[in-house]
Amino acid sequence: MRKLLLATVAGLGVWGVLASDADAQAPVAPSYTVGPMSGADLPGRTTPTPGTVVVRLNGRFRFYAYGAWDQDASNNAAGSLNTATNAAGAPVIGGVSTAVVNAAGNGPLTGANKLANYGFGEYARLYPGFDGIAANGLKYGVSLEIRQDQVSGAGGGLYGAISTQNRARGAMYWRREWGYLGTDQLGTIRFGSVDQPSSTYITGNFENFNDGGWNGDLPALLAQNLVPVWPFSDVGNYYTTNKAVYLSPQLFGFDMGLSYEPSTANVSVNANCGGGSFVGPNFINAAGATFATAANANTTSQGSAAPGCDRLSSSPINAESARRRNSFEALLRYRGSFGPVGIAATAAYAWGGHVLDNQTGVPFNSSPVSGTIRHDYQGLSVGDFGLAVTFAGFSVGGKWLTGRYNGQIGTLLPRGFPDSNAYLVGASYTFGPMIVGAHWYSVDSAGDLGNAFFGRTRKEGGVAVGGTYSVAPGVSLFLSGLWGERKQNGFNFITGQGVTAATPNGNPFSNKVTVSAVSLGTAFSW
């Protein structure tokens, strides 16, 4: 007879270096030598006994007090190459006004937006689900993840009352939702909006010493144009899509994972044809392309094949061909101990296709200064490697991500543009209720395609340091420090301006931006 158990905090297991969102979704808490685990997250799960089901409602609340030095973002003007005048009307040598100018490099003296260098932030998440084991050994269950926060301007004035602001910012949405079936002998099949093997078994990323370093919460509190891209597989544009995933049992220290992603659809049972977002009079499809509704009624047709349709296989809209289709991933992992030394290593390969561009009469062309731009996109072809070694509380290792992607895995590249390469090295040390550590990473990519066409590629990355102190079961304090940099000649990171027919050398302003921040955070988890 099946029993129903409700998992409580007391029954959730030993606290220590706790699980990230991906680990929180695992049917049984994984045992990593060094994994993606964050220093201030959820407890391990209670494993049901045969013939029982454990229902859970895990959650987290985090609060941050932070200082941010992202004043590069306060310069929201492009500067001017033309002769300019100062506030007194006198010409300025070099052609750049001492006053702020608009994005075109001229216009009235309007002043600039400016950011304060401190603030508070908080959020909450819920992780409902259940895990069961049948009398015959079949393991099964469901995992859900509910998040909050939709971007919304501060309350009052243009954006409405404070209560309206709170409703918009606090809106809840589904991030992950999946089920699983499996046995210890045959392995596990997961299906739904679920992490692929390279995220589930991510190794060597060293997000374990606080809230995640450069893949933690603090970067979201900074001016986003200054934040270097996080390239690795534990990012939402890659792990949230609908998939079928197979995870094998472990044999002689080895296990493997396979996944198939038919499209970039996620958390939906609808085809979503024509289901993009309406912004004013325009229609924005899933790839970010904008269409005037009056110009082409088909682009906004609800229910017929149109931009934004989940199952779209081809389209005359070039931006749609930047969407992944029929993508696969295969991963091999090894975990073992040699006396006091533990080793974890992964090697994965991701490959696939994309939505085809079927427009006629326009040749493929990536030059931003001649003809109509029509990028010849290619599917993923990416190698993902990770290594971590532990000894007496110390852990060291790193990651390497290389191949056909643009800055962040899952983002496709057109033919003729250079591969991306991302490197990370990290270390951590655990002693008593404390863990401290750091990681450094660097990403070389095409970045802005207009500038990359002329050989001006992007380099970005940063350093994260920090530590976590486990105060009591379910309560942690953590300190975070970040420094990051982005640079690409010809691309203005503040205004997004790049190459045009009139400016083949791109925009010469804000081609290099930096950001740094510190925060003290607290996490309540159950």
Protein backbone atom coordinates (compact mmCIF):
# COMPACT_ATOMS: atom_id res chain seq x y z
CA MET A 1 0.00 0.00 0.00
CA ARG A 2 1.39 3.41 -0.93
CA LYS A 3 2.11 5.86 1.88
CA LEU A 4 2.16 9.64 1.43
CA LEU A 5 4.91 11.50 3.26
CA LEU A 6 5.40 15.26 3.49
CA ALA A 7 9.07 16.24 3.45
CA THR A 8 9.90 18.60 6.30
CA VAL A 9 12.98 20.70 7.01
CA ALA A 10 14.02 18.24 9.69
CA GLY A 11 13.86 15.39 7.20
CA LEU A 12 15.70 17.07 4.37
CA GLY A 13 19.14 15.80 5.24
CA VAL A 14 22.46 17.29 6.22
CA TRP A 15 23.24 20.86 5.20
CA GLY A 16 26.60 21.86 3.84
CA VAL A 17 27.58 22.97 0.38
CA LEU A 18 24.03 23.01 -0.90
CA ALA A 19 22.40 22.45 -4.27
CA SER A 20 21.86 24.86 -7.13
CA ASP A 21 18.57 25.16 -9.04
CA ALA A 22 19.57 22.30 -11.34
CA ASP A 23 20.46 20.08 -8.38
CA ALA A 24 17.27 21.08 -6.61
CA GLN A 25 15.44 19.50 -9.52
CA ALA A 26 17.26 16.15 -9.32
CA PRO A 27 15.15 13.13 -8.37
CA VAL A 28 17.81 12.09 -5.86
CA ALA A 29 20.37 14.65 -4.65
CA PRO A 30 23.58 13.94 -6.60
CA SER A 31 26.90 13.22 -4.92
CA TYR A 32 29.53 15.32 -6.65
CA THR A 33 33.23 15.42 -5.94
CA VAL A 34 32.84 19.02 -7.00
CA GLY A 35 29.69 19.97 -8.84
CA PRO A 36 27.70 23.10 -9.58
CA MET A 37 26.45 23.34 -6.04
CA SER A 38 25.97 26.82 -4.61
CA GLY A 39 26.95 27.69 -1.09
CA ALA A 40 23.54 28.99 -0.03
CA ASP A 41 20.80 26.87 -1.51
CA LEU A 42 18.48 23.95 -1.02
CA PRO A 43 18.93 20.85 1.13
CA GLY A 44 19.23 17.33 -0.16
CA ARG A 45 16.04 15.36 -0.69
CA THR A 46 14.49 12.66 1.39
CA THR A 47 14.60 9.39 -0.56
CA PRO A 48 11.29 7.52 -0.40
CA THR A 49 11.19 3.90 0.66
CA PRO A 50 9.70 1.33 -1.75
CA GLY A 51 5.97 1.73 -2.08
CA THR A 52 5.93 5.32 -0.83
CA VAL A 53 5.82 8.84 -2.26
CA VAL A 54 7.53 11.89 -0.77
CA VAL A 55 5.80 15.18 -1.58
CA ARG A 56 7.94 18.31 -1.26
CA LEU A 57 7.57 22.05 -1.33
CA ASN A 58 11.10 23.39 -1.17
CA GLY A 59 11.76 27.08 -1.47
CA ARG A 60 14.21 29.87 -0.99
CA PHE A 61 14.28 33.52 -0.02
CA ARG A 62 17.36 35.69 -0.56
CA PHE A 63 18.14 39.27 0.39
CA TYR A 64 21.09 41.38 -0.76
CA ALA A 65 22.70 44.61 0.36
CA TYR A 66 25.16 45.57 -2.34
CA GLY A 67 27.49 48.20 -3.71
CA ALA A 68 27.91 48.53 -7.47
CA TRP A 69 30.49 50.43 -9.47
CA ASP A 70 28.87 50.38 -12.89
CA GLN A 71 29.07 54.08 -13.67
CA ASP A 72 30.09 53.34 -17.27
CA ALA A 73 26.38 52.78 -17.80
CA SER A 74 25.61 56.35 -16.72
CA ASN A 75 27.09 57.54 -20.02
CA ASN A 76 23.99 56.93 -22.10
CA ALA A 77 25.23 58.99 -25.05
CA ALA A 78 27.41 57.97 -27.97
CA GLY A 79 29.60 61.05 -28.15
CA SER A 80 30.17 63.09 -31.29
CA LEU A 81 32.72 63.04 -34.08
CA ASN A 82 31.49 66.43 -35.28
CA THR A 83 32.62 69.79 -33.99
CA ALA A 84 30.69 70.40 -30.83
CA THR A 85 30.29 73.30 -28.49
CA ASN A 86 30.32 73.45 -24.74
CA ALA A 87 27.62 74.96 -22.56
CA ALA A 88 28.94 78.47 -23.28
CA GLY A 89 28.71 77.92 -27.03
CA ALA A 90 32.48 77.73 -27.64
CA PRO A 91 33.91 75.06 -29.98
CA VAL A 92 35.45 72.04 -28.28
CA ILE A 93 38.78 70.78 -29.64
CA GLY A 94 38.55 67.15 -30.76
CA GLY A 95 34.89 67.39 -31.60
CA VAL A 96 33.47 65.97 -28.36
CA SER A 97 31.33 68.21 -26.26
CA THR A 98 32.02 68.55 -22.56
CA ALA A 99 28.27 68.31 -22.10
CA VAL A 100 26.29 65.12 -22.72
CA VAL A 101 24.99 64.57 -26.24
CA ASN A 102 22.34 62.25 -27.59
CA ALA A 103 22.84 58.82 -29.16
CA ALA A 104 23.47 60.35 -32.60
CA GLY A 105 26.28 62.50 -31.24
CA ASN A 106 24.50 65.85 -31.37
CA GLY A 107 21.33 67.55 -30.25
CA PRO A 108 20.32 69.47 -27.13
CA LEU A 109 22.28 69.39 -23.89
CA THR A 110 19.97 67.10 -21.98
CA GLY A 111 22.13 65.68 -19.20
CA ALA A 112 22.70 61.99 -18.47
CA ASN A 113 21.05 59.29 -16.41
CA LYS A 114 23.14 58.36 -13.39
CA LEU A 115 23.10 55.26 -11.19
CA ALA A 116 23.51 55.22 -7.41
CA ASN A 117 26.25 52.83 -6.34
CA TYR A 118 24.27 50.97 -3.67
CA GLY A 119 20.95 49.19 -3.23
CA PHE A 120 18.90 46.34 -1.77
CA GLY A 121 17.38 43.41 -3.63
CA GLU A 122 15.47 40.23 -2.83
CA TYR A 123 13.51 37.39 -4.40
CA ALA A 124 11.73 34.13 -3.58
CA ARG A 125 11.34 30.82 -5.46
CA LEU A 126 9.34 27.65 -4.95
CA TYR A 127 10.20 24.05 -5.91
CA PRO A 128 7.14 21.79 -5.59
CA GLY A 129 7.15 18.17 -6.70
CA PHE A 130 7.15 14.57 -5.57
CA ASP A 131 9.39 11.48 -5.72
CA GLY A 132 8.21 7.89 -5.53
CA ILE A 133 9.58 4.36 -5.58
CA ALA A 134 7.30 1.49 -6.55
CA ALA A 135 7.54 -1.89 -4.86
CA ASN A 136 9.27 -3.25 -8.00
CA GLY A 137 12.01 -0.59 -7.81
CA LEU A 138 10.64 1.83 -10.42
CA LYS A 139 11.56 5.42 -9.51
CA TYR A 140 9.33 8.23 -10.70
CA GLY A 141 8.30 11.77 -9.93
CA VAL A 142 7.81 15.36 -11.04
CA SER A 143 9.88 18.51 -10.42
CA LEU A 144 8.62 22.06 -10.86
CA GLU A 145 10.33 25.41 -10.43
CA ILE A 146 8.39 28.64 -9.88
CA ARG A 147 10.22 31.96 -10.10
CA GLN A 148 9.26 35.59 -9.70
CA ASP A 149 10.25 38.94 -11.19
CA GLN A 150 9.29 40.46 -14.48
CA VAL A 151 11.24 43.55 -15.44
CA SER A 152 9.17 46.67 -14.74
CA GLY A 153 9.98 50.33 -14.25
CA ALA A 154 9.82 51.89 -10.80
CA GLY A 155 6.30 52.74 -9.59
CA GLY A 156 4.55 56.07 -10.04
CA GLY A 157 4.24 58.41 -13.01
CA LEU A 158 4.53 56.69 -16.36
CA TYR A 159 4.62 53.20 -14.85
CA GLY A 160 1.55 53.52 -12.61
CA ALA A 161 1.08 53.12 -8.89
CA ILE A 162 3.45 51.31 -6.54
CA SER A 163 0.90 48.49 -6.23
CA THR A 164 1.01 48.06 -10.01
CA GLN A 165 4.79 47.94 -9.91
CA ASN A 166 4.74 45.25 -7.23
CA ARG A 167 2.29 43.13 -9.20
CA ALA A 168 4.44 43.32 -12.34
CA ARG A 169 7.73 42.66 -10.56
CA GLY A 170 6.36 39.90 -8.35
CA ALA A 171 4.58 37.95 -11.08
CA MET A 172 5.27 34.22 -10.83
CA TYR A 173 6.13 32.02 -13.79
CA TRP A 174 7.22 28.47 -14.53
CA ARG A 175 10.95 28.07 -15.15
CA ARG A 176 11.27 24.29 -15.25
CA GLU A 177 8.67 21.50 -15.27
CA TRP A 178 9.47 17.86 -15.89
CA GLY A 179 8.81 14.25 -14.95
CA TYR A 180 11.03 11.20 -14.75
CA LEU A 181 10.93 7.40 -14.78
CA GLY A 182 13.82 5.05 -14.12
CA THR A 183 15.50 2.25 -12.24
CA ASP A 184 18.94 1.82 -10.68
CA GLN A 185 19.75 -0.83 -13.26
CA LEU A 186 18.50 0.84 -16.46
CA GLY A 187 18.96 4.54 -15.75
CA THR A 188 16.51 7.44 -15.82
CA ILE A 189 14.48 9.18 -18.53
CA ARG A 190 13.49 12.81 -17.92
CA PHE A 191 11.02 14.69 -20.10
CA GLY A 192 9.73 18.26 -20.16
CA SER A 193 11.39 21.61 -19.66
CA VAL A 194 14.49 20.10 -18.11
CA ASP A 195 18.27 20.48 -17.96
CA GLN A 196 20.38 18.70 -20.54
CA PRO A 197 23.25 16.43 -19.32
CA SER A 198 25.92 19.17 -19.50
CA SER A 199 23.93 21.27 -17.02
CA THR A 200 22.78 18.39 -14.82
CA TYR A 201 26.34 17.07 -14.49
CA ILE A 202 28.22 20.35 -14.90
CA THR A 203 31.73 20.05 -13.45
CA GLY A 204 34.55 22.51 -12.87
CA ASN A 205 32.43 25.68 -13.01
CA PHE A 206 33.10 26.56 -9.33
CA GLU A 207 29.89 28.35 -8.48
CA ASN A 208 29.94 26.59 -5.10
CA PHE A 209 31.56 29.18 -2.82
CA ASN A 210 28.67 31.66 -2.58
CA ASP A 211 25.50 32.40 -4.57
CA GLY A 212 27.16 31.45 -7.87
CA GLY A 213 29.81 34.09 -8.61
CA TRP A 214 29.34 35.44 -12.13
CA ASN A 215 26.42 33.05 -12.58
CA GLY A 216 24.83 34.06 -9.29
CA ASP A 217 22.27 36.68 -8.30
CA LEU A 218 24.49 39.74 -7.96
CA PRO A 219 25.06 40.26 -11.73
CA ALA A 220 21.28 40.74 -12.18
CA LEU A 221 21.47 43.78 -9.89
CA LEU A 222 24.01 45.53 -12.16
CA ALA A 223 23.63 47.52 -15.39
CA GLN A 224 23.13 44.66 -17.84
CA ASN A 225 25.05 46.17 -20.77
CA LEU A 226 28.20 45.99 -18.62
CA VAL A 227 27.77 42.40 -17.39
CA PRO A 228 29.97 39.89 -19.22
CA VAL A 229 28.10 36.95 -20.74
CA TRP A 230 28.06 33.66 -18.81
CA PRO A 231 28.89 31.16 -21.57
CA PHE A 232 28.34 27.77 -19.94
CA SER A 233 25.47 25.31 -20.15
CA ASP A 234 23.70 26.26 -16.90
CA VAL A 235 21.97 29.24 -18.55
CA GLY A 236 18.25 29.60 -19.14
CA ASN A 237 18.25 29.92 -22.94
CA TYR A 238 19.77 26.43 -23.06
CA TYR A 239 18.39 24.45 -20.12
CA THR A 240 14.74 25.56 -20.09
CA THR A 241 13.71 24.15 -23.47
CA ASN A 242 11.58 21.00 -23.91
CA LYS A 243 13.73 17.88 -24.05
CA ALA A 244 13.92 14.16 -23.56
CA VAL A 245 16.96 13.20 -21.50
CA TYR A 246 18.48 9.82 -20.66
CA LEU A 247 20.88 9.45 -17.69
CA SER A 248 22.63 6.10 -17.38
CA PRO A 249 23.58 4.19 -14.23
CA GLN A 250 27.18 4.45 -13.04
CA LEU A 251 29.60 1.65 -14.01
CA PHE A 252 33.24 1.57 -12.89
CA GLY A 253 33.04 5.28 -12.11
CA PHE A 254 31.57 6.22 -15.52
CA ASP A 255 28.07 7.34 -16.42
CA MET A 256 26.62 9.08 -19.46
CA GLY A 257 23.78 11.30 -20.58
CA LEU A 258 21.94 11.89 -23.86
CA SER A 259 19.36 14.54 -24.72
CA TYR A 260 17.20 15.58 -27.67
CA GLU A 261 15.66 19.06 -28.10
CA PRO A 262 13.27 19.34 -31.09
CA SER A 263 12.99 23.15 -30.92
CA THR A 264 13.44 26.12 -28.63
CA ALA A 265 9.92 25.68 -27.21
CA ASN A 266 9.51 25.47 -23.44
CA VAL A 267 6.94 25.23 -20.62
CA SER A 268 4.01 25.02 -23.01
CA VAL A 269 1.70 22.43 -24.55
CA ASN A 270 0.59 24.87 -27.29
CA ALA A 271 2.13 25.37 -30.72
CA ASN A 272 2.33 29.12 -30.00
CA CYS A 273 2.07 29.88 -33.71
CA GLY A 274 2.07 33.64 -34.07
CA GLY A 275 2.55 33.70 -30.33
CA GLY A 276 5.21 36.35 -30.01
CA SER A 277 4.86 39.54 -27.99
CA PHE A 278 3.05 42.66 -29.07
CA VAL A 279 4.92 45.85 -28.22
CA GLY A 280 2.86 48.88 -29.20
CA PRO A 281 1.91 48.48 -32.87
CA ASN A 282 4.72 45.99 -33.55
CA PHE A 283 5.05 42.24 -33.27
CA ILE A 284 8.27 40.87 -31.71
CA ASN A 285 9.00 37.25 -32.55
CA ALA A 286 10.95 34.78 -30.45
CA ALA A 287 14.20 35.61 -32.25
CA GLY A 288 13.82 39.32 -31.53
CA ALA A 289 12.84 40.45 -35.04
CA THR A 290 10.26 43.21 -35.28
CA PHE A 291 7.40 43.34 -37.77
CA ALA A 292 4.90 46.13 -38.32
CA THR A 293 1.47 44.58 -37.97
CA ALA A 294 -0.01 46.73 -40.70
CA ALA A 295 2.73 45.77 -43.15
CA ASN A 296 2.27 42.03 -42.99
CA ALA A 297 -0.81 40.54 -41.40
CA ASN A 298 0.63 37.04 -41.62
CA THR A 299 3.30 37.85 -39.05
CA THR A 300 0.63 38.38 -36.41
CA SER A 301 -1.75 35.62 -37.41
CA GLN A 302 -2.72 33.66 -34.33
CA GLY A 303 -2.82 29.92 -35.00
CA SER A 304 -1.15 29.70 -38.42
CA ALA A 305 2.53 29.18 -39.20
CA ALA A 306 4.21 32.49 -38.46
CA PRO A 307 7.27 33.91 -36.72
CA GLY A 308 7.40 32.68 -33.15
CA CYS A 309 5.71 29.32 -33.87
CA ASP A 310 7.35 26.64 -31.72
CA ARG A 311 7.38 24.04 -34.50
CA LEU A 312 8.60 26.37 -37.21
CA SER A 313 10.99 24.45 -39.50
CA SER A 314 11.58 27.14 -42.13
CA SER A 315 10.79 30.81 -42.59
CA PRO A 316 11.48 33.71 -44.97
CA ILE A 317 12.48 35.77 -41.90
CA ASN A 318 16.24 35.57 -41.50
CA ALA A 319 16.16 36.18 -37.73
CA GLU A 320 14.06 33.02 -37.30
CA SER A 321 16.91 30.93 -38.72
CA ALA A 322 18.94 31.83 -35.62
CA ARG A 323 16.68 29.46 -33.63
CA ARG A 324 17.94 25.97 -32.74
CA ARG A 325 16.13 22.92 -34.10
CA ASN A 326 16.74 19.17 -33.65
CA SER A 327 19.62 19.64 -31.23
CA PHE A 328 21.34 16.76 -29.45
CA GLU A 329 23.83 16.40 -26.63
CA ALA A 330 25.96 13.49 -25.44
CA LEU A 331 28.04 13.49 -22.26
CA LEU A 332 30.44 11.10 -20.53
CA ARG A 333 31.33 11.61 -16.87
CA TYR A 334 33.90 9.99 -14.59
CA ARG A 335 33.99 10.18 -10.80
CA GLY A 336 36.50 8.35 -8.66
CA SER A 337 38.71 8.44 -5.58
CA PHE A 338 42.40 7.63 -5.35
CA GLY A 339 43.24 7.57 -1.69
CA PRO A 340 42.49 11.05 -0.32
CA VAL A 341 42.16 12.56 -3.83
CA GLY A 342 38.82 12.79 -5.60
CA ILE A 343 38.42 13.42 -9.33
CA ALA A 344 35.38 14.41 -11.38
CA ALA A 345 35.61 14.97 -15.15
CA THR A 346 33.08 15.47 -17.96
CA ALA A 347 33.29 15.59 -21.73
CA ALA A 348 30.22 16.55 -23.77
CA TYR A 349 29.38 17.37 -27.37
CA ALA A 350 26.31 19.33 -28.54
CA TRP A 351 25.18 19.43 -32.17
CA GLY A 352 22.08 20.14 -34.21
CA GLY A 353 20.30 22.17 -36.86
CA HIS A 354 18.29 25.37 -37.04
CA VAL A 355 15.17 26.85 -38.61
CA LEU A 356 15.88 27.11 -42.34
CA ASP A 357 15.83 30.44 -44.16
CA ASN A 358 13.68 29.84 -47.28
CA GLN A 359 13.43 33.37 -48.63
CA THR A 360 14.19 33.79 -52.33
CA GLY A 361 15.85 36.48 -54.39
CA VAL A 362 18.22 37.63 -51.64
CA PRO A 363 21.74 36.15 -51.47
CA PHE A 364 23.31 35.24 -48.16
CA ASN A 365 25.26 38.29 -47.03
CA SER A 366 26.76 39.20 -43.65
CA SER A 367 28.32 42.50 -44.72
CA PRO A 368 26.68 45.37 -42.81
CA VAL A 369 27.76 47.93 -45.39
CA SER A 370 26.65 46.33 -48.68
CA GLY A 371 23.39 44.74 -49.69
CA THR A 372 20.63 43.28 -47.53
CA ILE A 373 21.89 41.40 -44.49
CA ARG A 374 20.91 37.73 -44.67
CA HIS A 375 23.03 35.63 -42.33
CA ASP A 376 23.67 32.00 -43.24
CA TYR A 377 23.19 30.53 -39.75
CA GLN A 378 24.57 27.15 -38.70
CA GLY A 379 23.49 24.74 -35.96
CA LEU A 380 25.42 24.02 -32.77
CA SER A 381 28.72 22.13 -32.83
CA VAL A 382 30.21 22.60 -29.37
CA GLY A 383 32.61 20.69 -27.13
CA ASP A 384 32.20 21.06 -23.35
CA PHE A 385 34.90 19.83 -20.94
CA GLY A 386 35.17 20.08 -17.16
CA LEU A 387 37.56 18.86 -14.46
CA ALA A 388 37.65 19.13 -10.65
CA VAL A 389 40.15 17.63 -8.19
CA THR A 390 39.63 17.60 -4.42
CA PHE A 391 41.94 16.96 -1.49
CA ALA A 392 41.40 17.62 2.23
CA GLY A 393 38.73 20.26 1.67
CA PHE A 394 40.56 21.95 -1.23
CA SER A 395 39.13 21.81 -4.74
CA VAL A 396 40.67 23.07 -7.98
CA GLY A 397 39.69 22.72 -11.63
CA GLY A 398 38.13 24.41 -14.58
CA LYS A 399 36.06 24.32 -17.76
CA TRP A 400 36.54 24.78 -21.50
CA LEU A 401 33.71 25.40 -23.97
CA THR A 402 34.64 25.58 -27.64
CA GLY A 403 32.89 25.52 -31.03
CA ARG A 404 30.11 27.02 -33.13
CA TYR A 405 28.26 29.35 -30.74
CA ASN A 406 28.32 33.09 -30.14
CA GLY A 407 29.42 33.98 -26.63
CA GLN A 408 26.81 31.86 -24.82
CA ILE A 409 26.08 28.24 -25.65
CA GLY A 410 22.78 27.94 -27.46
CA THR A 411 23.30 31.16 -29.43
CA LEU A 412 23.91 30.29 -33.08
CA LEU A 413 26.56 31.71 -35.41
CA PRO A 414 26.34 32.48 -39.14
CA ARG A 415 28.74 30.81 -41.51
CA GLY A 416 32.09 32.61 -41.87
CA PHE A 417 32.28 33.94 -38.31
CA PRO A 418 34.89 32.66 -35.82
CA ASP A 419 34.17 30.00 -33.20
CA SER A 420 33.79 30.95 -29.57
CA ASN A 421 36.08 29.77 -26.81
CA ALA A 422 35.40 30.10 -23.09
CA TYR A 423 37.78 29.17 -20.28
CA LEU A 424 37.26 29.04 -16.51
CA VAL A 425 39.60 28.18 -13.64
CA GLY A 426 38.47 28.02 -10.04
CA ALA A 427 39.27 26.88 -6.53
CA SER A 428 37.44 26.51 -3.23
CA TYR A 429 38.19 25.44 0.33
CA THR A 430 35.68 24.02 2.78
CA PHE A 431 36.29 24.07 6.55
CA GLY A 432 33.63 23.54 9.17
CA PRO A 433 30.54 25.60 8.31
CA MET A 434 32.54 27.81 5.90
CA ILE A 435 33.40 27.61 2.22
CA VAL A 436 35.51 30.19 0.39
CA GLY A 437 36.61 30.32 -3.22
CA ALA A 438 37.05 32.13 -6.50
CA HIS A 439 36.74 31.70 -10.23
CA TRP A 440 38.10 33.55 -13.26
CA TYR A 441 36.70 33.14 -16.75
CA SER A 442 37.21 34.59 -20.22
CA VAL A 443 35.11 34.39 -23.40
CA ASP A 444 36.36 35.07 -26.95
CA SER A 445 33.51 35.34 -29.45
CA ALA A 446 32.19 37.08 -32.53
CA GLY A 447 29.96 39.26 -30.35
CA ASP A 448 28.42 42.01 -32.47
CA LEU A 449 28.22 40.48 -35.96
CA GLY A 450 28.62 43.78 -37.79
CA ASN A 451 32.01 44.43 -36.24
CA ALA A 452 33.02 40.77 -36.28
CA PHE A 453 32.55 40.80 -40.08
CA PHE A 454 35.53 43.18 -40.21
CA GLY A 455 37.59 41.12 -37.74
CA ARG A 456 36.76 43.11 -34.61
CA THR A 457 35.77 40.29 -32.24
CA ARG A 458 34.69 40.44 -28.60
CA LYS A 459 36.54 39.53 -25.42
CA GLU A 460 34.84 39.54 -22.03
CA GLY A 461 34.95 37.87 -18.66
CA GLY A 462 35.70 38.51 -15.03
CA VAL A 463 36.73 37.41 -11.56
CA ALA A 464 34.44 36.36 -8.71
CA VAL A 465 35.49 35.80 -5.09
CA GLY A 466 33.46 35.07 -2.00
CA GLY A 467 32.48 32.80 0.82
CA THR A 468 29.48 31.32 2.62
CA TYR A 469 28.88 30.69 6.31
CA SER A 470 26.14 28.23 7.26
CA VAL A 471 24.54 29.81 10.32
CA ALA A 472 22.01 27.06 10.99
CA PRO A 473 20.02 24.51 8.98
CA GLY A 474 18.28 26.59 6.33
CA VAL A 475 20.12 29.86 6.99
CA SER A 476 23.34 31.05 5.34
CA LEU A 477 25.27 34.30 4.99
CA PHE A 478 27.48 34.92 1.99
CA LEU A 479 29.86 37.57 0.76
CA SER A 480 30.38 38.19 -2.95
CA GLY A 481 32.83 40.28 -4.93
CA LEU A 482 32.84 40.69 -8.73
CA TRP A 483 34.94 42.45 -11.35
CA GLY A 484 34.16 42.17 -15.06
CA GLU A 485 35.10 43.65 -18.41
CA ARG A 486 33.68 43.67 -21.95
CA LYS A 487 35.47 45.01 -25.02
CA GLN A 488 34.96 45.01 -28.76
CA ASN A 489 36.34 47.66 -31.09
CA GLY A 490 33.59 49.42 -33.02
CA PHE A 491 30.73 48.43 -30.73
CA ASN A 492 29.20 50.84 -28.21
CA PHE A 493 28.14 48.71 -25.23
CA ILE A 494 26.04 51.54 -23.80
CA THR A 495 23.92 52.47 -26.81
CA GLY A 496 24.25 49.26 -28.84
CA GLN A 497 25.50 51.19 -31.88
CA GLY A 498 27.89 49.42 -34.23
CA VAL A 499 28.65 49.27 -37.95
CA THR A 500 26.51 51.06 -40.52
CA ALA A 501 27.05 51.86 -44.18
CA ALA A 502 28.10 55.36 -43.10
CA THR A 503 30.40 54.11 -40.30
CA PRO A 504 32.13 50.90 -41.45
CA ASN A 505 34.57 51.24 -38.56
CA GLY A 506 31.70 51.11 -36.13
CA ASN A 507 31.07 53.41 -33.20
CA PRO A 508 34.27 54.54 -31.41
CA PHE A 509 32.71 55.20 -28.00
CA SER A 510 32.30 52.89 -24.99
CA ASN A 511 34.09 50.03 -26.79
CA LYS A 512 35.45 48.89 -23.42
CA VAL A 513 33.36 48.86 -20.25
CA THR A 514 34.00 47.53 -16.76
CA VAL A 515 31.88 46.76 -13.72
CA SER A 516 32.56 45.74 -10.13
CA ALA A 517 30.37 45.00 -7.14
CA VAL A 518 30.32 43.64 -3.61
CA SER A 519 27.36 42.26 -1.70
CA LEU A 520 26.39 40.74 1.60
CA GLY A 521 23.56 38.28 1.18
CA THR A 522 21.45 36.01 3.31
CA ALA A 523 19.58 32.91 2.22
CA PHE A 524 16.69 31.12 3.89
CA SER A 525 16.11 27.74 2.29
CA TRP A 526 13.86 24.79 3.09
